[in-house]
């Protein structure tokens, strides 16, 4: 099988196109793209199992998997699948293309108005326990630890809990609970971790693209993703080039947006 030529990431953080099943097709994706698949979008609640529509191996350069913790907490209150089911899903999806990383089953933290929330601390502890269990079950999978918290007090407690368990990441970690916090909050959060964990590289889940203009964020971000590419950054005050054209199919529209977002 011929591997597509990867999009160039030599001088910038690697961008993963966040996809749901309808987007992870060659008609929508750029050749050589890196793709993030969201596990929760592949969960078949009716039959209590994952659907495994593998990504087009001869079209993409690589992919990673996010557990979809935000959706799990919002929709079901907890993950409806077991550790084993998640591991089997990752292995099934990566049969044709090696997975770059698989996020542990984390729990997104709720906005807490700058104050420590016991709900968030419980979610942080659950995220850590999930990481421990998944690493023990499948040490061969390239697990990505997820750093959690809604404010610096919670994020500091997450680091202290990890330090006590000898579970601080040393090379690469994901930063959770960035979506919807705004550009400056994203910048402040990455700078916080850059100061607390010097030398570590990060994956920014849903980080605003403009946050990458900050030199610290740019230097410490190894990779990032967003689902915004598929809907043209919303419909409010959308520039003309981001609007769907007359008689343009959804697939053609999505692929054109991907090109615009990539540029």
Protein backbone atom coordinates (compact mmCIF):
# COMPACT_ATOMS: atom_id res chain seq x y z
CA UNK A 1 0.00 0.00 0.00
CA UNK A 2 1.39 3.41 -0.98
CA UNK A 3 1.62 5.83 1.93
CA UNK A 4 0.53 9.37 1.03
CA UNK A 5 2.99 12.23 1.30
CA UNK A 6 2.41 13.90 4.66
CA UNK A 7 1.60 17.57 4.93
CA UNK A 8 4.67 19.50 6.07
CA UNK A 9 5.03 20.05 9.83
CA UNK A 10 8.77 20.67 10.00
CA UNK A 11 8.49 24.23 11.30
CA UNK A 12 5.18 24.22 13.18
CA UNK A 13 3.00 22.12 15.48
CA UNK A 14 1.32 19.19 13.77
CA UNK A 15 -2.34 19.86 13.03
CA UNK A 16 -4.87 17.05 13.36
CA UNK A 17 -8.22 17.44 11.62
CA UNK A 18 -10.76 16.44 14.27
CA UNK A 19 -13.34 14.19 12.65
CA UNK A 20 -16.54 12.34 13.31
CA UNK A 21 -17.38 9.30 11.18
CA UNK A 22 -18.98 11.30 8.36
CA UNK A 23 -15.86 13.48 8.03
CA UNK A 24 -13.19 10.76 8.09
CA UNK A 25 -13.54 10.01 4.40
CA UNK A 26 -11.26 10.75 1.47
CA UNK A 27 -13.82 13.12 -0.11
CA UNK A 28 -13.55 15.50 2.84
CA UNK A 29 -9.94 15.10 3.95
CA UNK A 30 -6.85 16.53 2.34
CA UNK A 31 -4.40 13.93 1.01
CA UNK A 32 -1.62 13.48 3.54
CA UNK A 33 -3.66 14.91 6.42
CA UNK A 34 -3.30 13.86 10.03
CA UNK A 35 -6.65 13.01 11.60
CA UNK A 36 -8.02 12.88 15.13
CA UNK A 37 -10.86 10.40 15.63
CA UNK A 38 -13.26 10.88 18.55
CA UNK A 39 -14.13 7.54 20.16
CA UNK A 40 -17.46 8.69 21.58
CA UNK A 41 -18.68 9.46 18.04
CA UNK A 42 -18.08 5.81 17.12
CA UNK A 43 -19.96 4.36 20.10
CA UNK A 44 -23.13 2.43 19.27
CA UNK A 45 -25.14 2.84 22.48
CA UNK A 46 -27.98 0.65 21.24
CA UNK A 47 -25.72 -2.36 20.75
CA UNK A 48 -23.21 -1.45 23.48
CA UNK A 49 -20.21 -1.62 21.19
CA UNK A 50 -17.94 0.47 18.99
CA UNK A 51 -18.37 0.76 15.28
CA UNK A 52 -15.01 0.49 13.54
CA UNK A 53 -15.01 2.25 10.15
CA UNK A 54 -11.24 2.40 9.67
CA UNK A 55 -9.80 5.62 8.21
CA UNK A 56 -8.59 5.59 4.57
CA UNK A 57 -5.06 4.24 5.01
CA UNK A 58 -3.94 5.17 1.48
CA UNK A 59 -5.15 8.76 1.87
CA UNK A 60 -4.08 10.03 5.31
CA UNK A 61 -0.58 10.30 6.77
CA UNK A 62 -1.54 9.28 10.28
CA UNK A 63 -4.15 9.54 12.99
CA UNK A 64 -4.71 9.70 16.71
CA UNK A 65 -7.67 8.92 18.97
CA UNK A 66 -9.42 11.07 21.55
CA UNK A 67 -11.70 9.26 23.98
CA UNK A 68 -14.39 11.95 23.84
CA UNK A 69 -14.48 12.55 27.59
CA UNK A 70 -16.52 15.73 27.30
CA UNK A 71 -19.29 13.90 25.46
CA UNK A 72 -19.11 10.94 27.82
CA UNK A 73 -19.62 13.14 30.87
CA UNK A 74 -22.35 15.21 29.26
CA UNK A 75 -24.28 12.38 27.61
CA UNK A 76 -23.86 9.41 29.90
CA UNK A 77 -22.34 10.76 33.12
CA UNK A 78 -19.48 8.28 32.72
CA UNK A 79 -17.89 6.19 30.03
CA UNK A 80 -20.35 3.57 28.77
CA UNK A 81 -17.56 1.34 27.52
CA UNK A 82 -15.00 -0.71 29.41
CA UNK A 83 -11.25 -0.35 29.29
CA UNK A 84 -11.07 -3.52 27.21
CA UNK A 85 -13.60 -2.19 24.69
CA UNK A 86 -11.60 1.02 24.31
CA UNK A 87 -8.36 -0.89 23.81
CA UNK A 88 -9.99 -3.17 21.23
CA UNK A 89 -11.41 -0.10 19.44
CA UNK A 90 -7.96 1.49 19.21
CA UNK A 91 -6.41 -1.71 17.91
CA UNK A 92 -9.20 -2.19 15.40
CA UNK A 93 -8.93 1.35 14.08
CA UNK A 94 -5.14 1.13 13.78
CA UNK A 95 -5.03 -2.14 11.88
CA UNK A 96 -4.02 -0.41 8.62
CA UNK A 97 -2.40 2.82 9.90
CA UNK A 98 -0.38 2.97 13.15
CA UNK A 99 -1.96 5.26 15.72
CA UNK A 100 0.23 8.24 16.66
CA UNK A 101 -1.27 8.40 20.14
CA UNK A 102 -4.42 7.44 21.99
CA UNK A 103 -5.70 9.76 24.69
CA UNK A 104 -6.48 8.11 27.99
CA UNK A 105 -10.13 8.12 29.06
CA UNK A 106 -10.17 11.55 30.68
CA UNK A 107 -13.01 13.59 32.15
CA UNK A 108 -13.35 17.21 31.08
CA UNK A 109 -13.64 19.70 33.93
CA UNK A 110 -16.59 22.05 34.27
CA UNK A 111 -16.21 25.85 34.49
CA UNK A 112 -15.75 26.66 38.19
CA UNK A 113 -15.49 30.48 38.19
CA UNK A 114 -11.87 30.39 39.31
CA UNK A 115 -12.60 28.43 42.48
CA UNK A 116 -11.62 24.88 43.31
CA UNK A 117 -14.45 22.48 42.51
CA UNK A 118 -14.73 19.08 44.21
CA UNK A 119 -16.53 17.81 41.12
CA UNK A 120 -13.48 18.69 39.05
CA UNK A 121 -11.07 17.15 41.57
CA UNK A 122 -13.08 13.92 41.38
CA UNK A 123 -12.84 14.07 37.59
CA UNK A 124 -9.10 14.63 37.77
CA UNK A 125 -8.70 11.62 40.08
CA UNK A 126 -10.86 9.49 37.78
CA UNK A 127 -8.75 10.55 34.78
CA UNK A 128 -5.57 9.49 36.59
CA UNK A 129 -7.07 6.13 37.61
CA UNK A 130 -8.17 5.52 34.03
CA UNK A 131 -4.65 6.20 32.81
CA UNK A 132 -3.18 3.73 35.31
CA UNK A 133 -5.67 1.02 34.32
CA UNK A 134 -5.19 1.51 30.58
CA UNK A 135 -1.40 1.46 30.81
CA UNK A 136 -1.56 -1.78 32.77
CA UNK A 137 -4.03 -3.35 30.35
CA UNK A 138 -2.29 -2.32 27.12
CA UNK A 139 1.30 -1.10 27.65
CA UNK A 140 1.97 -1.39 23.91
CA UNK A 141 -0.44 1.42 23.00
CA UNK A 142 1.09 4.92 22.83
CA UNK A 143 -1.08 6.45 25.56
CA UNK A 144 -1.26 10.21 25.87
CA UNK A 145 -1.78 11.42 29.45
CA UNK A 146 -4.28 14.26 29.79
CA UNK A 147 -3.65 17.12 32.20
CA UNK A 148 -6.91 18.40 33.61
CA UNK A 149 -8.45 21.23 35.58
CA UNK A 150 -10.48 24.38 35.02
CA UNK A 151 -8.20 26.78 36.91
CA UNK A 152 -4.61 26.83 38.08
CA UNK A 153 -5.45 25.58 41.57
CA UNK A 154 -7.11 22.48 40.13
CA UNK A 155 -4.38 21.98 37.55
CA UNK A 156 -1.75 22.29 40.29
CA UNK A 157 -3.54 19.64 42.34
CA UNK A 158 -3.59 17.37 39.29
CA UNK A 159 0.19 17.72 39.05
CA UNK A 160 0.65 17.04 42.77
CA UNK A 161 -1.49 13.90 42.57
CA UNK A 162 0.54 12.72 39.60
CA UNK A 163 3.82 13.52 41.32
CA UNK A 164 2.82 11.41 44.34
CA UNK A 165 2.08 8.49 42.00
CA UNK A 166 5.22 9.00 39.90
CA UNK A 167 2.91 9.69 36.97
CA UNK A 168 4.08 13.10 35.81
CA UNK A 169 4.52 13.09 32.01
CA UNK A 170 8.09 13.61 30.85
CA UNK A 171 7.85 13.99 27.08
CA UNK A 172 4.33 14.54 25.70
CA UNK A 173 0.96 15.24 27.29
CA UNK A 174 -2.44 16.50 26.27
CA UNK A 175 -4.01 19.58 27.84
CA UNK A 176 -7.70 19.08 28.48
CA UNK A 177 -10.56 21.49 29.21
CA UNK A 178 -9.37 24.20 26.83
CA UNK A 179 -12.42 24.28 24.57
CA UNK A 180 -14.58 27.35 25.06
CA UNK A 181 -12.20 29.03 27.52
CA UNK A 182 -11.04 31.67 25.04
CA UNK A 183 -7.71 32.60 23.48
CA UNK A 184 -6.07 34.25 26.48
CA UNK A 185 -7.12 31.48 28.86
CA UNK A 186 -5.60 28.93 26.48
CA UNK A 187 -2.35 30.92 26.31
CA UNK A 188 -2.20 31.30 30.09
CA UNK A 189 -2.83 27.56 30.57
CA UNK A 190 -0.08 26.45 28.18
CA UNK A 191 2.33 28.94 29.74
CA UNK A 192 1.44 27.56 33.18
CA UNK A 193 2.38 24.02 32.13
CA UNK A 194 5.49 25.22 30.28
CA UNK A 195 6.66 26.75 33.54
CA UNK A 196 5.65 23.80 35.75
CA UNK A 197 6.89 21.07 33.40
CA UNK A 198 9.86 22.50 31.48
CA UNK A 199 10.89 20.52 28.43
CA UNK A 200 7.48 18.88 28.02
CA UNK A 201 5.63 19.11 24.70
CA UNK A 202 1.86 19.36 24.54
CA UNK A 203 -1.16 18.47 22.46
CA UNK A 204 -3.79 21.19 22.67
CA UNK A 205 -7.27 19.66 22.40
CA UNK A 206 -9.46 22.22 20.64
CA UNK A 207 -7.02 25.05 21.33
CA UNK A 208 -7.94 28.31 19.52
CA UNK A 209 -5.76 28.78 16.47
CA UNK A 210 -4.85 32.34 17.50
CA UNK A 211 -3.34 31.05 20.75
CA UNK A 212 -0.50 29.67 18.61
CA UNK A 213 0.57 33.25 17.88
CA UNK A 214 2.02 33.32 21.39
CA UNK A 215 5.72 32.33 21.17
CA UNK A 216 5.62 30.11 24.27
CA UNK A 217 2.50 28.29 23.06
CA UNK A 218 4.00 27.81 19.60
CA UNK A 219 7.31 26.51 20.98
CA UNK A 220 5.80 24.02 23.42
CA UNK A 221 2.86 22.75 21.34
CA UNK A 222 3.82 19.56 19.52
CA UNK A 223 0.36 19.09 18.06
CA UNK A 224 -3.18 20.44 18.18
CA UNK A 225 -6.61 19.75 16.76
CA UNK A 226 -9.93 21.40 16.14
CA UNK A 227 -13.29 20.46 14.66
CA UNK A 228 -13.76 24.04 13.46
CA UNK A 229 -12.35 23.22 10.02
CA UNK A 230 -15.50 21.25 9.17
CA UNK A 231 -17.97 24.06 9.78
CA UNK A 232 -16.07 27.11 8.67
CA UNK A 233 -15.56 28.67 12.11
CA UNK A 234 -19.27 29.14 12.66
CA UNK A 235 -21.75 31.22 10.72
CA UNK A 236 -21.50 34.51 12.57
CA UNK A 237 -19.75 37.11 10.42
CA UNK A 238 -18.28 34.32 8.33
CA UNK A 239 -16.04 35.55 5.49
CA UNK A 240 -17.37 34.80 2.02
CA UNK A 241 -14.77 32.12 1.33
CA UNK A 242 -15.98 30.15 4.36
CA UNK A 243 -19.58 30.01 3.21
CA UNK A 244 -21.09 27.09 1.37
CA UNK A 245 -21.45 27.83 -2.31
CA UNK A 246 -24.56 27.22 -4.34
CA UNK A 247 -24.73 23.64 -5.61
CA UNK A 248 -21.59 22.72 -3.62
CA UNK A 249 -21.81 19.26 -2.04
CA UNK A 250 -21.10 18.84 1.67
CA UNK A 251 -17.98 16.79 0.90
CA UNK A 252 -16.61 19.41 -1.50
CA UNK A 253 -17.42 22.15 1.01
CA UNK A 254 -15.67 20.32 3.85
CA UNK A 255 -12.60 19.65 1.76
CA UNK A 256 -12.37 23.28 0.62
CA UNK A 257 -12.67 24.42 4.25
CA UNK A 258 -9.91 22.01 5.19
CA UNK A 259 -7.62 23.66 2.67
CA UNK A 260 -8.51 27.13 3.97
CA UNK A 261 -8.01 26.12 7.58
CA UNK A 262 -4.72 24.44 6.80
CA UNK A 263 -3.39 27.57 5.08
